[in-house]
Each structure stands twice: as structure tokens, then as C-alpha cells.
Amino acid sequence: MKKFNIEREEYINKTFKIPVNLADKMNKVCDSKNVSLNKLVVKCIEYAFDNSDMDM
């Protein structure tokens, strides 16, 4: 039988300033999709990195 394992992701707190109109759009998406603002920001950053030609 496979062992039941719960993995925890490690997080760090960061503070960013963003334009009010962008924050408003983000809040609307969060409300409509029922997700946290943090989750949306992480997904947006992951998408940007995954779809860019920047070397990492």
C-alpha cells in the first residue's frame, strides 16, 4: 500500500506596489473564480515565466 504523504510548499512574504486599476482587475478575477489574491498572483507569475524567453 502506498504511504499517505502531505507535502508542504515553502512560502516567503513579499510586498509589491501595483497600480490601482490592476489591483481592481485582479480582485474581480478572484471574486469571479473564487480564488485568493495570492493564488492568482502565483499563477500569473508562473504563467509569465513559463511563456517567456527569459533564461532562468
N, C-alpha and C. Protein backbone atom coordinates (compact mmCIF):
# COMPACT_ATOMS: atom_id res chain seq x y z
N MET A 1 0.84 -1.17 0.00
CA MET A 1 0.00 0.00 0.00
C MET A 1 0.89 1.24 0.00
N LYS A 2 0.52 2.22 -0.82
CA LYS A 2 1.29 3.45 -0.90
C LYS A 2 1.04 4.32 0.33
N LYS A 3 2.12 4.90 0.86
CA LYS A 3 2.04 5.72 2.06
C LYS A 3 1.35 7.05 1.76
N PHE A 4 0.46 7.49 2.66
CA PHE A 4 -0.22 8.78 2.54
C PHE A 4 0.76 9.88 2.96
N ASN A 5 1.03 10.82 2.05
CA ASN A 5 2.02 11.84 2.31
C ASN A 5 1.45 13.21 1.92
N ILE A 6 1.56 14.17 2.80
CA ILE A 6 1.14 15.53 2.51
C ILE A 6 2.38 16.40 2.46
N GLU A 7 2.64 16.98 1.29
CA GLU A 7 3.81 17.83 1.12
C GLU A 7 3.42 19.29 1.32
N ARG A 8 4.25 20.02 2.03
CA ARG A 8 4.03 21.44 2.24
C ARG A 8 4.95 22.24 1.35
N GLU A 9 4.37 23.25 0.71
CA GLU A 9 5.21 24.16 -0.06
C GLU A 9 5.77 25.21 0.88
N GLU A 10 6.97 25.64 0.60
CA GLU A 10 7.58 26.70 1.39
C GLU A 10 7.22 28.04 0.77
N TYR A 11 6.83 29.00 1.58
CA TYR A 11 6.44 30.32 1.10
C TYR A 11 7.29 31.39 1.76
N ILE A 12 7.35 32.55 1.12
CA ILE A 12 8.03 33.71 1.65
C ILE A 12 7.12 34.91 1.43
N ASN A 13 7.11 35.83 2.36
CA ASN A 13 6.30 37.04 2.22
C ASN A 13 7.08 38.10 1.46
N LYS A 14 6.43 38.73 0.50
CA LYS A 14 6.99 39.84 -0.26
C LYS A 14 5.93 40.93 -0.36
N THR A 15 6.36 42.16 -0.51
CA THR A 15 5.44 43.28 -0.67
C THR A 15 5.72 43.95 -2.00
N PHE A 16 4.65 44.20 -2.76
CA PHE A 16 4.77 44.85 -4.06
C PHE A 16 3.77 45.99 -4.15
N LYS A 17 4.11 46.99 -4.92
CA LYS A 17 3.17 48.07 -5.23
C LYS A 17 2.71 47.85 -6.66
N ILE A 18 1.38 47.88 -6.86
CA ILE A 18 0.83 47.73 -8.20
C ILE A 18 -0.20 48.82 -8.44
N PRO A 19 -0.44 49.19 -9.69
CA PRO A 19 -1.42 50.23 -9.98
C PRO A 19 -2.82 49.82 -9.51
N VAL A 20 -3.59 50.82 -9.09
CA VAL A 20 -4.93 50.57 -8.57
C VAL A 20 -5.80 49.86 -9.59
N ASN A 21 -5.71 50.26 -10.87
CA ASN A 21 -6.57 49.64 -11.88
C ASN A 21 -6.24 48.15 -12.05
N LEU A 22 -4.97 47.78 -11.91
CA LEU A 22 -4.58 46.38 -12.00
C LEU A 22 -5.10 45.60 -10.79
N ALA A 23 -4.99 46.20 -9.61
CA ALA A 23 -5.50 45.55 -8.39
C ALA A 23 -7.01 45.34 -8.49
N ASP A 24 -7.71 46.31 -9.05
CA ASP A 24 -9.16 46.17 -9.23
C ASP A 24 -9.50 45.00 -10.16
N LYS A 25 -8.76 44.89 -11.25
CA LYS A 25 -8.99 43.78 -12.19
C LYS A 25 -8.71 42.44 -11.52
N MET A 26 -7.63 42.40 -10.76
CA MET A 26 -7.26 41.16 -10.08
C MET A 26 -8.33 40.75 -9.06
N ASN A 27 -8.83 41.73 -8.32
CA ASN A 27 -9.89 41.43 -7.34
C ASN A 27 -11.15 40.91 -8.01
N LYS A 28 -11.48 41.45 -9.19
CA LYS A 28 -12.66 40.97 -9.92
C LYS A 28 -12.47 39.52 -10.35
N VAL A 29 -11.27 39.19 -10.82
CA VAL A 29 -10.99 37.81 -11.22
C VAL A 29 -11.09 36.89 -10.01
N CYS A 30 -10.51 37.31 -8.90
CA CYS A 30 -10.56 36.49 -7.68
C CYS A 30 -12.00 36.23 -7.25
N ASP A 31 -12.82 37.27 -7.29
CA ASP A 31 -14.22 37.12 -6.92
C ASP A 31 -14.96 36.18 -7.86
N SER A 32 -14.72 36.34 -9.15
CA SER A 32 -15.45 35.52 -10.13
C SER A 32 -14.99 34.06 -10.14
N LYS A 33 -13.73 33.82 -9.84
CA LYS A 33 -13.17 32.46 -9.85
C LYS A 33 -13.09 31.83 -8.46
N ASN A 34 -13.44 32.62 -7.44
CA ASN A 34 -13.41 32.15 -6.06
C ASN A 34 -12.02 31.61 -5.67
N VAL A 35 -11.00 32.43 -5.95
CA VAL A 35 -9.63 32.09 -5.57
C VAL A 35 -9.04 33.25 -4.77
N SER A 36 -8.01 32.98 -4.01
CA SER A 36 -7.36 34.03 -3.25
C SER A 36 -6.49 34.89 -4.17
N LEU A 37 -6.26 36.11 -3.73
CA LEU A 37 -5.39 37.01 -4.48
C LEU A 37 -3.99 36.42 -4.57
N ASN A 38 -3.51 35.81 -3.50
CA ASN A 38 -2.20 35.19 -3.51
C ASN A 38 -2.11 34.11 -4.58
N LYS A 39 -3.12 33.26 -4.66
CA LYS A 39 -3.13 32.17 -5.65
C LYS A 39 -3.10 32.75 -7.07
N LEU A 40 -3.88 33.80 -7.31
CA LEU A 40 -3.90 34.43 -8.63
C LEU A 40 -2.53 34.99 -8.98
N VAL A 41 -1.90 35.68 -8.05
CA VAL A 41 -0.58 36.26 -8.31
C VAL A 41 0.43 35.16 -8.64
N VAL A 42 0.44 34.10 -7.86
CA VAL A 42 1.37 32.99 -8.12
C VAL A 42 1.12 32.40 -9.51
N LYS A 43 -0.14 32.17 -9.85
CA LYS A 43 -0.47 31.60 -11.17
C LYS A 43 -0.04 32.53 -12.30
N CYS A 44 -0.25 33.84 -12.13
CA CYS A 44 0.14 34.80 -13.16
C CYS A 44 1.65 34.82 -13.35
N ILE A 45 2.39 34.79 -12.25
CA ILE A 45 3.85 34.79 -12.34
C ILE A 45 4.36 33.51 -12.98
N GLU A 46 3.80 32.37 -12.58
CA GLU A 46 4.19 31.10 -13.19
C GLU A 46 3.91 31.10 -14.69
N TYR A 47 2.75 31.61 -15.08
CA TYR A 47 2.38 31.67 -16.50
C TYR A 47 3.36 32.57 -17.26
N ALA A 48 3.68 33.72 -16.68
CA ALA A 48 4.61 34.65 -17.34
C ALA A 48 5.98 34.00 -17.55
N PHE A 49 6.49 33.34 -16.53
CA PHE A 49 7.80 32.69 -16.67
C PHE A 49 7.75 31.51 -17.64
N ASP A 50 6.68 30.72 -17.59
CA ASP A 50 6.55 29.56 -18.47
C ASP A 50 6.41 29.97 -19.94
N ASN A 51 5.92 31.17 -20.19
CA ASN A 51 5.65 31.61 -21.56
C ASN A 51 6.55 32.76 -21.99
N SER A 52 7.73 32.84 -21.39
CA SER A 52 8.67 33.88 -21.76
C SER A 52 9.95 33.24 -22.30
N ASP A 53 10.77 34.06 -22.89
CA ASP A 53 12.05 33.55 -23.39
C ASP A 53 13.20 33.96 -22.47
N MET A 54 12.87 34.36 -21.24
CA MET A 54 13.92 34.73 -20.29
C MET A 54 14.65 33.47 -19.82
N ASP A 55 15.95 33.58 -19.70
CA ASP A 55 16.74 32.47 -19.18
C ASP A 55 16.62 32.43 -17.67
N MET A 56 16.34 31.25 -17.13
CA MET A 56 16.22 31.09 -15.69
C MET A 56 17.20 30.05 -15.23
